[in-house]
Amino acid sequence: MIILDNASFHKRKDILAHIKTEMPNIIREFLPPYSPDYNLIELVWHSAKEYIAHRLFESVSQLEDLLNKLLNEGGLIIKWERKIKNKGNAVY
Protein backbone atom coordinates (compact mmCIF):
# COMPACT_ATOMS: atom_id res chain seq x y z
CA MET A 1 0.00 0.00 0.00
CA ILE A 2 1.17 3.49 -0.79
CA ILE A 3 -0.46 6.49 0.88
CA LEU A 4 -0.47 9.71 -1.10
CA ASP A 5 -1.58 13.20 -0.28
CA ASN A 6 -3.70 15.16 -2.73
CA ALA A 7 -0.89 16.95 -4.54
CA SER A 8 -1.88 17.36 -8.17
CA PHE A 9 1.18 15.46 -9.42
CA HIS A 10 0.12 12.41 -7.35
CA LYS A 11 -3.17 12.26 -9.23
CA ARG A 12 -1.83 12.71 -12.77
CA LYS A 13 -3.26 10.08 -15.07
CA ASP A 14 0.15 9.11 -16.46
CA ILE A 15 1.57 8.61 -12.96
CA LEU A 16 -1.42 6.53 -11.83
CA ALA A 17 -1.24 4.45 -15.02
CA HIS A 18 2.48 3.88 -14.49
CA ILE A 19 1.92 2.69 -10.92
CA LYS A 20 -0.89 0.40 -12.05
CA THR A 21 1.23 -1.08 -14.87
CA GLU A 22 4.60 -1.33 -13.14
CA MET A 23 3.37 -2.14 -9.62
CA PRO A 24 0.10 -4.06 -9.97
CA ASN A 25 0.17 -5.28 -6.36
CA ILE A 26 0.41 -1.76 -4.93
CA ILE A 27 -2.81 -0.36 -3.48
CA ARG A 28 -3.07 3.42 -3.71
CA GLU A 29 -4.82 5.27 -0.89
CA PHE A 30 -5.26 9.04 -0.87
CA LEU A 31 -5.47 11.09 2.29
CA PRO A 32 -8.67 13.07 2.70
CA PRO A 33 -8.42 16.64 1.36
CA TYR A 34 -7.07 19.22 3.83
CA SER A 35 -5.95 16.67 6.39
CA PRO A 36 -2.41 17.55 7.48
CA ASP A 37 -3.17 15.83 10.79
CA TYR A 38 -2.81 12.50 8.96
CA ASN A 39 0.40 13.52 7.21
CA LEU A 40 3.23 13.48 9.77
CA ILE A 41 5.69 15.01 7.33
CA GLU A 42 3.88 18.31 7.94
CA LEU A 43 5.12 18.29 11.54
CA VAL A 44 8.65 17.40 10.40
CA TRP A 45 8.69 20.30 7.92
CA HIS A 46 7.23 22.65 10.53
CA SER A 47 9.93 21.67 13.03
CA ALA A 48 12.70 22.09 10.43
CA LYS A 49 11.40 25.49 9.31
CA GLU A 50 11.08 26.60 12.93
CA TYR A 51 14.69 25.56 13.58
CA ILE A 52 16.14 27.52 10.64
CA ALA A 53 13.89 30.58 10.94
CA HIS A 54 15.60 33.88 11.71
CA ARG A 55 19.08 32.51 10.95
CA LEU A 56 21.40 34.04 8.41
CA PHE A 57 23.36 31.79 6.09
CA GLU A 58 26.48 32.84 4.25
CA SER A 59 25.70 30.54 1.32
CA VAL A 60 23.15 28.12 -0.05
CA SER A 61 25.56 25.27 0.66
CA GLN A 62 25.63 26.26 4.34
CA LEU A 63 21.83 26.00 4.43
CA GLU A 64 21.97 22.67 2.57
CA ASP A 65 24.50 21.34 5.08
CA LEU A 66 22.24 22.30 7.99
CA LEU A 67 19.18 20.73 6.36
CA ASN A 68 21.16 17.55 5.69
CA LYS A 69 22.22 17.43 9.34
CA LEU A 70 18.65 18.02 10.52
CA LEU A 71 16.78 15.73 8.14
CA ASN A 72 19.27 12.99 7.25
CA GLU A 73 21.58 12.72 10.22
CA GLY A 74 19.07 12.82 13.07
CA GLY A 75 19.79 16.36 14.18
CA LEU A 76 16.18 17.51 14.17
CA ILE A 77 14.23 17.27 17.40
CA ILE A 78 10.56 16.99 16.52
CA LYS A 79 8.06 18.18 19.11
CA TRP A 80 5.46 15.48 18.41
CA GLU A 81 3.09 16.76 21.10
CA ARG A 82 3.13 20.27 19.65
CA LYS A 83 0.01 21.63 18.03
CA ILE A 84 0.56 23.45 14.76
CA LYS A 85 -1.89 25.16 12.47
CA ASN A 86 -1.92 24.43 8.80
CA LYS A 87 -4.68 25.74 6.53
CA GLY A 88 -7.06 25.97 9.45
CA ASN A 89 -6.49 22.41 10.70
CA ALA A 90 -4.60 21.32 13.80
CA VAL A 91 -1.80 18.79 13.69
CA TYR A 92 -0.83 16.94 16.84
PDB file of N, CA and C in Angstrom:
ATOM      1  N   MET A   1       0.845  -1.164   0.000  1.00  0.00           N
ATOM      2  CA  MET A   1       0.000   0.000   0.000  1.00  0.00           C
ATOM      3  C   MET A   1       0.895   1.233   0.000  1.00  0.00           C
ATOM      4  N   ILE A   2       0.491   2.206  -0.772  1.00  0.00           N
ATOM      5  CA  ILE A   2       1.168   3.491  -0.787  1.00  0.00           C
ATOM      6  C   ILE A   2       0.125   4.560  -0.477  1.00  0.00           C
ATOM      7  N   ILE A   3       0.470   5.432   0.476  1.00  0.00           N
ATOM      8  CA  ILE A   3      -0.457   6.491   0.883  1.00  0.00           C
ATOM      9  C   ILE A   3       0.048   7.799   0.299  1.00  0.00           C
ATOM     10  N   LEU A   4      -0.822   8.480  -0.413  1.00  0.00           N
ATOM     11  CA  LEU A   4      -0.465   9.711  -1.104  1.00  0.00           C
ATOM     12  C   LEU A   4      -1.327  10.853  -0.595  1.00  0.00           C
ATOM     13  N   ASP A   5      -0.744  12.054  -0.583  1.00  0.00           N
ATOM     14  CA  ASP A   5      -1.579  13.203  -0.283  1.00  0.00           C
ATOM     15  C   ASP A   5      -2.249  13.643  -1.583  1.00  0.00           C
ATOM     16  N   ASN A   6      -2.916  14.749  -1.562  1.00  0.00           N
ATOM     17  CA  ASN A   6      -3.701  15.165  -2.726  1.00  0.00           C
ATOM     18  C   ASN A   6      -2.973  16.155  -3.621  1.00  0.00           C
ATOM     19  N   ALA A   7      -1.651  16.106  -3.620  1.00  0.00           N
ATOM     20  CA  ALA A   7      -0.893  16.953  -4.538  1.00  0.00           C
ATOM     21  C   ALA A   7      -1.287  16.593  -5.969  1.00  0.00           C
ATOM     22  N   SER A   8      -1.397  17.595  -6.798  1.00  0.00           N
ATOM     23  CA  SER A   8      -1.882  17.362  -8.169  1.00  0.00           C
ATOM     24  C   SER A   8      -1.003  16.377  -8.929  1.00  0.00           C
ATOM     25  N   PHE A   9       0.309  16.380  -8.699  1.00  0.00           N
ATOM     26  CA  PHE A   9       1.177  15.458  -9.418  1.00  0.00           C
ATOM     27  C   PHE A   9       0.989  14.016  -8.967  1.00  0.00           C
ATOM     28  N   HIS A  10       0.412  13.781  -7.781  1.00  0.00           N
ATOM     29  CA  HIS A  10       0.122  12.413  -7.349  1.00  0.00           C
ATOM     30  C   HIS A  10      -1.110  11.842  -8.052  1.00  0.00           C
ATOM     31  N   LYS A  11      -1.932  12.710  -8.597  1.00  0.00           N
ATOM     32  CA  LYS A  11      -3.168  12.258  -9.230  1.00  0.00           C
ATOM     33  C   LYS A  11      -3.117  12.338 -10.757  1.00  0.00           C
ATOM     34  N   ARG A  12      -1.948  12.649 -11.310  1.00  0.00           N
ATOM     35  CA  ARG A  12      -1.829  12.713 -12.767  1.00  0.00           C
ATOM     36  C   ARG A  12      -2.123  11.350 -13.363  1.00  0.00           C
ATOM     37  N   LYS A  13      -2.851  11.338 -14.446  1.00  0.00           N
ATOM     38  CA  LYS A  13      -3.258  10.077 -15.067  1.00  0.00           C
ATOM     39  C   LYS A  13      -2.064   9.241 -15.499  1.00  0.00           C
ATOM     40  N   ASP A  14      -1.015   9.875 -16.023  1.00  0.00           N
ATOM     41  CA  ASP A  14       0.152   9.108 -16.460  1.00  0.00           C
ATOM     42  C   ASP A  14       0.877   8.471 -15.273  1.00  0.00           C
ATOM     43  N   ILE A  15       0.927   9.170 -14.157  1.00  0.00           N
ATOM     44  CA  ILE A  15       1.566   8.608 -12.956  1.00  0.00           C
ATOM     45  C   ILE A  15       0.763   7.431 -12.429  1.00  0.00           C
ATOM     46  N   LEU A  16      -0.559   7.613 -12.318  1.00  0.00           N
ATOM     47  CA  LEU A  16      -1.416   6.529 -11.826  1.00  0.00           C
ATOM     48  C   LEU A  16      -1.368   5.320 -12.753  1.00  0.00           C
ATOM     49  N   ALA A  17      -1.334   5.557 -14.067  1.00  0.00           N
ATOM     50  CA  ALA A  17      -1.240   4.448 -15.023  1.00  0.00           C
ATOM     51  C   ALA A  17       0.096   3.731 -14.880  1.00  0.00           C
ATOM     52  N   HIS A  18       1.163   4.486 -14.663  1.00  0.00           N
ATOM     53  CA  HIS A  18       2.484   3.879 -14.486  1.00  0.00           C
ATOM     54  C   HIS A  18       2.513   2.994 -13.238  1.00  0.00           C
ATOM     55  N   ILE A  19       1.963   3.489 -12.151  1.00  0.00           N
ATOM     56  CA  ILE A  19       1.920   2.694 -10.920  1.00  0.00           C
ATOM     57  C   ILE A  19       1.107   1.422 -11.145  1.00  0.00           C
ATOM     58  N   LYS A  20      -0.030   1.558 -11.805  1.00  0.00           N
ATOM     59  CA  LYS A  20      -0.888   0.398 -12.049  1.00  0.00           C
ATOM     60  C   LYS A  20      -0.191  -0.635 -12.929  1.00  0.00           C
ATOM     61  N   THR A  21       0.544  -0.170 -13.944  1.00  0.00           N
ATOM     62  CA  THR A  21       1.230  -1.080 -14.867  1.00  0.00           C
ATOM     63  C   THR A  21       2.473  -1.703 -14.247  1.00  0.00           C
ATOM     64  N   GLU A  22       3.306  -0.867 -13.649  1.00  0.00           N
ATOM     65  CA  GLU A  22       4.596  -1.327 -13.138  1.00  0.00           C
ATOM     66  C   GLU A  22       4.527  -1.964 -11.754  1.00  0.00           C
ATOM     67  N   MET A  23       3.498  -1.621 -10.986  1.00  0.00           N
ATOM     68  CA  MET A  23       3.374  -2.136  -9.620  1.00  0.00           C
ATOM     69  C   MET A  23       1.933  -2.594  -9.380  1.00  0.00           C
ATOM     70  N   PRO A  24       1.508  -3.654 -10.055  1.00  0.00           N
ATOM     71  CA  PRO A  24       0.098  -4.055  -9.973  1.00  0.00           C
ATOM     72  C   PRO A  24      -0.359  -4.481  -8.581  1.00  0.00           C
ATOM     73  N   ASN A  25       0.554  -4.840  -7.704  1.00  0.00           N
ATOM     74  CA  ASN A  25       0.170  -5.279  -6.362  1.00  0.00           C
ATOM     75  C   ASN A  25       0.122  -4.128  -5.354  1.00  0.00           C
ATOM     76  N   ILE A  26       0.420  -2.933  -5.812  1.00  0.00           N
ATOM     77  CA  ILE A  26       0.407  -1.763  -4.929  1.00  0.00           C
ATOM     78  C   ILE A  26      -1.005  -1.187  -4.883  1.00  0.00           C
ATOM     79  N   ILE A  27      -1.502  -0.993  -3.679  1.00  0.00           N
ATOM     80  CA  ILE A  27      -2.810  -0.360  -3.480  1.00  0.00           C
ATOM     81  C   ILE A  27      -2.544   1.110  -3.184  1.00  0.00           C
ATOM     82  N   ARG A  28      -3.222   1.980  -3.909  1.00  0.00           N
ATOM     83  CA  ARG A  28      -3.074   3.424  -3.711  1.00  0.00           C
ATOM     84  C   ARG A  28      -4.201   3.927  -2.831  1.00  0.00           C
ATOM     85  N   GLU A  29      -3.844   4.632  -1.770  1.00  0.00           N
ATOM     86  CA  GLU A  29      -4.823   5.273  -0.891  1.00  0.00           C
ATOM     87  C   GLU A  29      -4.472   6.747  -0.818  1.00  0.00           C
ATOM     88  N   PHE A  30      -5.475   7.602  -0.965  1.00  0.00           N
ATOM     89  CA  PHE A  30      -5.259   9.036  -0.872  1.00  0.00           C
ATOM     90  C   PHE A  30      -5.777   9.544   0.466  1.00  0.00           C
ATOM     91  N   LEU A  31      -5.008  10.444   1.067  1.00  0.00           N
ATOM     92  CA  LEU A  31      -5.467  11.089   2.292  1.00  0.00           C
ATOM     93  C   LEU A  31      -6.681  11.951   1.974  1.00  0.00           C
ATOM     94  N   PRO A  32      -7.551  12.161   2.938  1.00  0.00           N
ATOM     95  CA  PRO A  32      -8.674  13.070   2.703  1.00  0.00           C
ATOM     96  C   PRO A  32      -8.140  14.483   2.423  1.00  0.00           C
ATOM     97  N   PRO A  33      -8.859  15.269   1.630  1.00  0.00           N
ATOM     98  CA  PRO A  33      -8.420  16.643   1.362  1.00  0.00           C
ATOM     99  C   PRO A  33      -8.293  17.451   2.661  1.00  0.00           C
ATOM    100  N   TYR A  34      -7.301  18.324   2.688  1.00  0.00           N
ATOM    101  CA  TYR A  34      -7.072  19.225   3.834  1.00  0.00           C
ATOM    102  C   TYR A  34      -6.969  18.465   5.149  1.00  0.00           C
ATOM    103  N   SER A  35      -6.098  17.469   5.173  1.00  0.00           N
ATOM    104  CA  SER A  35      -5.952  16.666   6.386  1.00  0.00           C
ATOM    105  C   SER A  35      -4.479  16.540   6.786  1.00  0.00           C
ATOM    106  N   PRO A  36      -3.815  17.651   7.089  1.00  0.00           N
ATOM    107  CA  PRO A  36      -2.413  17.553   7.477  1.00  0.00           C
ATOM    108  C   PRO A  36      -2.215  16.774   8.772  1.00  0.00           C
ATOM    109  N   ASP A  37      -3.289  16.603   9.551  1.00  0.00           N
ATOM    110  CA  ASP A  37      -3.171  15.835  10.790  1.00  0.00           C
ATOM    111  C   ASP A  37      -2.871  14.367  10.519  1.00  0.00           C
ATOM    112  N   TYR A  38      -3.138  13.874   9.305  1.00  0.00           N
ATOM    113  CA  TYR A  38      -2.808  12.496   8.956  1.00  0.00           C
ATOM    114  C   TYR A  38      -1.444  12.394   8.280  1.00  0.00           C
ATOM    115  N   ASN A  39      -0.846  13.517   7.953  1.00  0.00           N
ATOM    116  CA  ASN A  39       0.405  13.525   7.211  1.00  0.00           C
ATOM    117  C   ASN A  39       1.517  14.038   8.132  1.00  0.00           C
ATOM    118  N   LEU A  40       2.235  13.119   8.755  1.00  0.00           N
ATOM    119  CA  LEU A  40       3.225  13.484   9.768  1.00  0.00           C
ATOM    120  C   LEU A  40       4.386  14.288   9.214  1.00  0.00           C
ATOM    121  N   ILE A  41       4.608  14.228   7.900  1.00  0.00           N
ATOM    122  CA  ILE A  41       5.694  15.014   7.330  1.00  0.00           C
ATOM    123  C   ILE A  41       5.452  16.503   7.547  1.00  0.00           C
ATOM    124  N   GLU A  42       4.180  16.899   7.691  1.00  0.00           N
ATOM    125  CA  GLU A  42       3.880  18.314   7.943  1.00  0.00           C
ATOM    126  C   GLU A  42       4.522  18.779   9.244  1.00  0.00           C
ATOM    127  N   LEU A  43       4.501  17.936  10.268  1.00  0.00           N
ATOM    128  CA  LEU A  43       5.123  18.294  11.544  1.00  0.00           C
ATOM    129  C   LEU A  43       6.642  18.321  11.416  1.00  0.00           C
ATOM    130  N   VAL A  44       7.198  17.408  10.626  1.00  0.00           N
ATOM    131  CA  VAL A  44       8.645  17.400  10.403  1.00  0.00           C
ATOM    132  C   VAL A  44       9.071  18.695   9.712  1.00  0.00           C
ATOM    133  N   TRP A  45       8.355  19.070   8.632  1.00  0.00           N
ATOM    134  CA  TRP A  45       8.695  20.304   7.917  1.00  0.00           C
ATOM    135  C   TRP A  45       8.523  21.518   8.829  1.00  0.00           C
ATOM    136  N   HIS A  46       7.453  21.524   9.611  1.00  0.00           N
ATOM    137  CA  HIS A  46       7.234  22.645  10.527  1.00  0.00           C
ATOM    138  C   HIS A  46       8.396  22.770  11.504  1.00  0.00           C
ATOM    139  N   SER A  47       8.828  21.655  12.070  1.00  0.00           N
ATOM    140  CA  SER A  47       9.932  21.671  13.030  1.00  0.00           C
ATOM    141  C   SER A  47      11.225  22.135  12.371  1.00  0.00           C
ATOM    142  N   ALA A  48      11.479  21.688  11.141  1.00  0.00           N
ATOM    143  CA  ALA A  48      12.697  22.089  10.427  1.00  0.00           C
ATOM    144  C   ALA A  48      12.659  23.581  10.111  1.00  0.00           C
ATOM    145  N   LYS A  49      11.507  24.059   9.627  1.00  0.00           N
ATOM    146  CA  LYS A  49      11.397  25.491   9.306  1.00  0.00           C
ATOM    147  C   LYS A  49      11.538  26.343  10.565  1.00  0.00           C
ATOM    148  N   GLU A  50      10.979  25.869  11.669  1.00  0.00           N
ATOM    149  CA  GLU A  50      11.082  26.600  12.932  1.00  0.00           C
ATOM    150  C   GLU A  50      12.542  26.686  13.379  1.00  0.00           C
ATOM    151  N   TYR A  51      13.294  25.607  13.163  1.00  0.00           N
ATOM    152  CA  TYR A  51      14.693  25.563  13.577  1.00  0.00           C
ATOM    153  C   TYR A  51      15.551  26.542  12.775  1.00  0.00           C
ATOM    154  N   ILE A  52      15.292  26.666  11.472  1.00  0.00           N
ATOM    155  CA  ILE A  52      16.143  27.516  10.638  1.00  0.00           C
ATOM    156  C   ILE A  52      15.649  28.958  10.518  1.00  0.00           C
ATOM    157  N   ALA A  53      14.444  29.228  11.037  1.00  0.00           N
ATOM    158  CA  ALA A  53      13.891  30.583  10.936  1.00  0.00           C
ATOM    159  C   ALA A  53      14.783  31.584  11.662  1.00  0.00           C
ATOM    160  N   HIS A  54      14.871  32.759  11.117  1.00  0.00           N
ATOM    161  CA  HIS A  54      15.600  33.882  11.712  1.00  0.00           C
ATOM    162  C   HIS A  54      17.102  33.624  11.832  1.00  0.00           C
ATOM    163  N   ARG A  55      17.630  32.738  11.005  1.00  0.00           N
ATOM    164  CA  ARG A  55      19.079  32.513  10.951  1.00  0.00           C
ATOM    165  C   ARG A  55      19.585  33.057   9.620  1.00  0.00           C
ATOM    166  N   LEU A  56      20.770  33.560   9.631  1.00  0.00           N
ATOM    167  CA  LEU A  56      21.395  34.040   8.409  1.00  0.00           C
ATOM    168  C   LEU A  56      22.424  33.019   7.943  1.00  0.00           C
ATOM    169  N   PHE A  57      22.421  32.747   6.660  1.00  0.00           N
ATOM    170  CA  PHE A  57      23.357  31.792   6.086  1.00  0.00           C
ATOM    171  C   PHE A  57      24.259  32.521   5.106  1.00  0.00           C
ATOM    172  N   GLU A  58      25.529  32.192   5.135  1.00  0.00           N
ATOM    173  CA  GLU A  58      26.484  32.835   4.246  1.00  0.00           C
ATOM    174  C   GLU A  58      26.376  32.320   2.815  1.00  0.00           C
ATOM    175  N   SER A  59      25.812  31.124   2.662  1.00  0.00           N
ATOM    176  CA  SER A  59      25.697  30.544   1.321  1.00  0.00           C
ATOM    177  C   SER A  59      24.572  29.518   1.307  1.00  0.00           C
ATOM    178  N   VAL A  60      24.171  29.158   0.115  1.00  0.00           N
ATOM    179  CA  VAL A  60      23.153  28.115  -0.047  1.00  0.00           C
ATOM    180  C   VAL A  60      23.703  26.784   0.454  1.00  0.00           C
ATOM    181  N   SER A  61      24.975  26.539   0.215  1.00  0.00           N
ATOM    182  CA  SER A  61      25.557  25.269   0.663  1.00  0.00           C
ATOM    183  C   SER A  61      25.559  25.161   2.188  1.00  0.00           C
ATOM    184  N   GLN A  62      25.705  26.288   2.881  1.00  0.00           N
ATOM    185  CA  GLN A  62      25.632  26.262   4.344  1.00  0.00           C
ATOM    186  C   GLN A  62      24.225  25.861   4.801  1.00  0.00           C
ATOM    187  N   LEU A  63      23.211  26.390   4.134  1.00  0.00           N
ATOM    188  CA  LEU A  63      21.825  26.003   4.432  1.00  0.00           C
ATOM    189  C   LEU A  63      21.603  24.530   4.106  1.00  0.00           C
ATOM    190  N   GLU A  64      22.103  24.085   2.955  1.00  0.00           N
ATOM    191  CA  GLU A  64      21.965  22.673   2.568  1.00  0.00           C
ATOM    192  C   GLU A  64      22.628  21.757   3.588  1.00  0.00           C
ATOM    193  N   ASP A  65      23.802  22.149   4.069  1.00  0.00           N
ATOM    194  CA  ASP A  65      24.501  21.336   5.081  1.00  0.00           C
ATOM    195  C   ASP A  65      23.682  21.221   6.364  1.00  0.00           C
ATOM    196  N   LEU A  66      23.071  22.332   6.779  1.00  0.00           N
ATOM    197  CA  LEU A  66      22.243  22.296   7.987  1.00  0.00           C
ATOM    198  C   LEU A  66      21.012  21.418   7.775  1.00  0.00           C
ATOM    199  N   LEU A  67      20.356  21.565   6.639  1.00  0.00           N
ATOM    200  CA  LEU A  67      19.183  20.730   6.356  1.00  0.00           C
ATOM    201  C   LEU A  67      19.554  19.256   6.301  1.00  0.00           C
ATOM    202  N   ASN A  68      20.708  18.934   5.720  1.00  0.00           N
ATOM    203  CA  ASN A  68      21.165  17.547   5.688  1.00  0.00           C
ATOM    204  C   ASN A  68      21.372  17.020   7.100  1.00  0.00           C
ATOM    205  N   LYS A  69      22.002  17.839   7.947  1.00  0.00           N
ATOM    206  CA  LYS A  69      22.220  17.434   9.344  1.00  0.00           C
ATOM    207  C   LYS A  69      20.889  17.206  10.057  1.00  0.00           C
ATOM    208  N   LEU A  70      19.940  18.125   9.844  1.00  0.00           N
ATOM    209  CA  LEU A  70      18.646  18.019  10.519  1.00  0.00           C
ATOM    210  C   LEU A  70      17.829  16.837  10.026  1.00  0.00           C
ATOM    211  N   LEU A  71      17.714  16.706   8.701  1.00  0.00           N
ATOM    212  CA  LEU A  71      16.776  15.731   8.136  1.00  0.00           C
ATOM    213  C   LEU A  71      17.373  14.356   7.885  1.00  0.00           C
ATOM    214  N   ASN A  72      18.674  14.275   7.619  1.00  0.00           N
ATOM    215  CA  ASN A  72      19.271  12.989   7.249  1.00  0.00           C
ATOM    216  C   ASN A  72      20.177  12.385   8.310  1.00  0.00           C
ATOM    217  N   GLU A  73      20.636  13.215   9.220  1.00  0.00           N
ATOM    218  CA  GLU A  73      21.582  12.716  10.222  1.00  0.00           C
ATOM    219  C   GLU A  73      21.008  12.721  11.635  1.00  0.00           C
ATOM    220  N   GLY A  74      19.712  12.908  11.759  1.00  0.00           N
ATOM    221  CA  GLY A  74      19.068  12.822  13.066  1.00  0.00           C
ATOM    222  C   GLY A  74      19.226  14.033  13.955  1.00  0.00           C
ATOM    223  N   GLY A  75      19.582  15.169  13.379  1.00  0.00           N
ATOM    224  CA  GLY A  75      19.789  16.361  14.185  1.00  0.00           C
ATOM    225  C   GLY A  75      18.527  17.122  14.550  1.00  0.00           C
ATOM    226  N   LEU A  76      17.419  16.780  13.927  1.00  0.00           N
ATOM    227  CA  LEU A  76      16.179  17.513  14.171  1.00  0.00           C
ATOM    228  C   LEU A  76      15.416  16.888  15.332  1.00  0.00           C
ATOM    229  N   ILE A  77      15.060  17.714  16.284  1.00  0.00           N
ATOM    230  CA  ILE A  77      14.226  17.269  17.401  1.00  0.00           C
ATOM    231  C   ILE A  77      12.800  17.691  17.081  1.00  0.00           C
ATOM    232  N   ILE A  78      11.945  16.716  16.889  1.00  0.00           N
ATOM    233  CA  ILE A  78      10.559  16.991  16.524  1.00  0.00           C
ATOM    234  C   ILE A  78       9.712  16.997  17.785  1.00  0.00           C
ATOM    235  N   LYS A  79       8.951  18.051  17.955  1.00  0.00           N
ATOM    236  CA  LYS A  79       8.062  18.176  19.109  1.00  0.00           C
ATOM    237  C   LYS A  79       6.725  17.540  18.736  1.00  0.00           C
ATOM    238  N   TRP A  80       6.635  16.218  18.868  1.00  0.00           N
ATOM    239  CA  TRP A  80       5.456  15.479  18.414  1.00  0.00           C
ATOM    240  C   TRP A  80       4.180  15.925  19.114  1.00  0.00           C
ATOM    241  N   GLU A  81       4.291  16.376  20.356  1.00  0.00           N
ATOM    242  CA  GLU A  81       3.092  16.765  21.098  1.00  0.00           C
ATOM    243  C   GLU A  81       2.640  18.177  20.736  1.00  0.00           C
ATOM    244  N   ARG A  82       3.427  18.874  19.970  1.00  0.00           N
ATOM    245  CA  ARG A  82       3.130  20.272  19.651  1.00  0.00           C
ATOM    246  C   ARG A  82       1.977  20.393  18.669  1.00  0.00           C
ATOM    247  N   LYS A  83       1.138  21.345  18.916  1.00  0.00           N
ATOM    248  CA  LYS A  83       0.011  21.625  18.026  1.00  0.00           C
ATOM    249  C   LYS A  83       0.450  22.705  17.040  1.00  0.00           C
ATOM    250  N   ILE A  84       0.264  22.434  15.763  1.00  0.00           N
ATOM    251  CA  ILE A  84       0.563  23.449  14.758  1.00  0.00           C
ATOM    252  C   ILE A  84      -0.686  23.694  13.934  1.00  0.00           C
ATOM    253  N   LYS A  85      -0.754  24.838  13.336  1.00  0.00           N
ATOM    254  CA  LYS A  85      -1.890  25.155  12.475  1.00  0.00           C
ATOM    255  C   LYS A  85      -1.438  25.143  11.040  1.00  0.00           C
ATOM    256  N   ASN A  86      -2.238  24.526  10.206  1.00  0.00           N
ATOM    257  CA  ASN A  86      -1.916  24.433   8.797  1.00  0.00           C
ATOM    258  C   ASN A  86      -3.231  24.491   8.022  1.00  0.00           C
ATOM    259  N   LYS A  87      -3.460  25.569   7.322  1.00  0.00           N
ATOM    260  CA  LYS A  87      -4.676  25.739   6.527  1.00  0.00           C
ATOM    261  C   LYS A  87      -5.932  25.562   7.367  1.00  0.00           C
ATOM    262  N   GLY A  88      -5.877  26.024   8.614  1.00  0.00           N
ATOM    263  CA  GLY A  88      -7.062  25.971   9.454  1.00  0.00           C
ATOM    264  C   GLY A  88      -7.250  24.661  10.205  1.00  0.00           C
ATOM    265  N   ASN A  89      -6.363  23.692  10.008  1.00  0.00           N
ATOM    266  CA  ASN A  89      -6.487  22.411  10.701  1.00  0.00           C
ATOM    267  C   ASN A  89      -5.374  22.289  11.741  1.00  0.00           C
ATOM    268  N   ALA A  90      -5.610  21.536  12.767  1.00  0.00           N
ATOM    269  CA  ALA A  90      -4.599  21.320  13.803  1.00  0.00           C
ATOM    270  C   ALA A  90      -3.895  20.002  13.566  1.00  0.00           C
ATOM    271  N   VAL A  91      -2.591  19.998  13.790  1.00  0.00           N
ATOM    272  CA  VAL A  91      -1.800  18.788  13.694  1.00  0.00           C
ATOM    273  C   VAL A  91      -1.226  18.522  15.067  1.00  0.00           C
ATOM    274  N   TYR A  92      -1.357  17.301  15.526  1.00  0.00           N
ATOM    275  CA  TYR A  92      -0.830  16.936  16.844  1.00  0.00           C
ATOM    276  C   TYR A  92       0.264  15.912  16.682  1.00  0.00           C
TER     277      TYR A  92
END
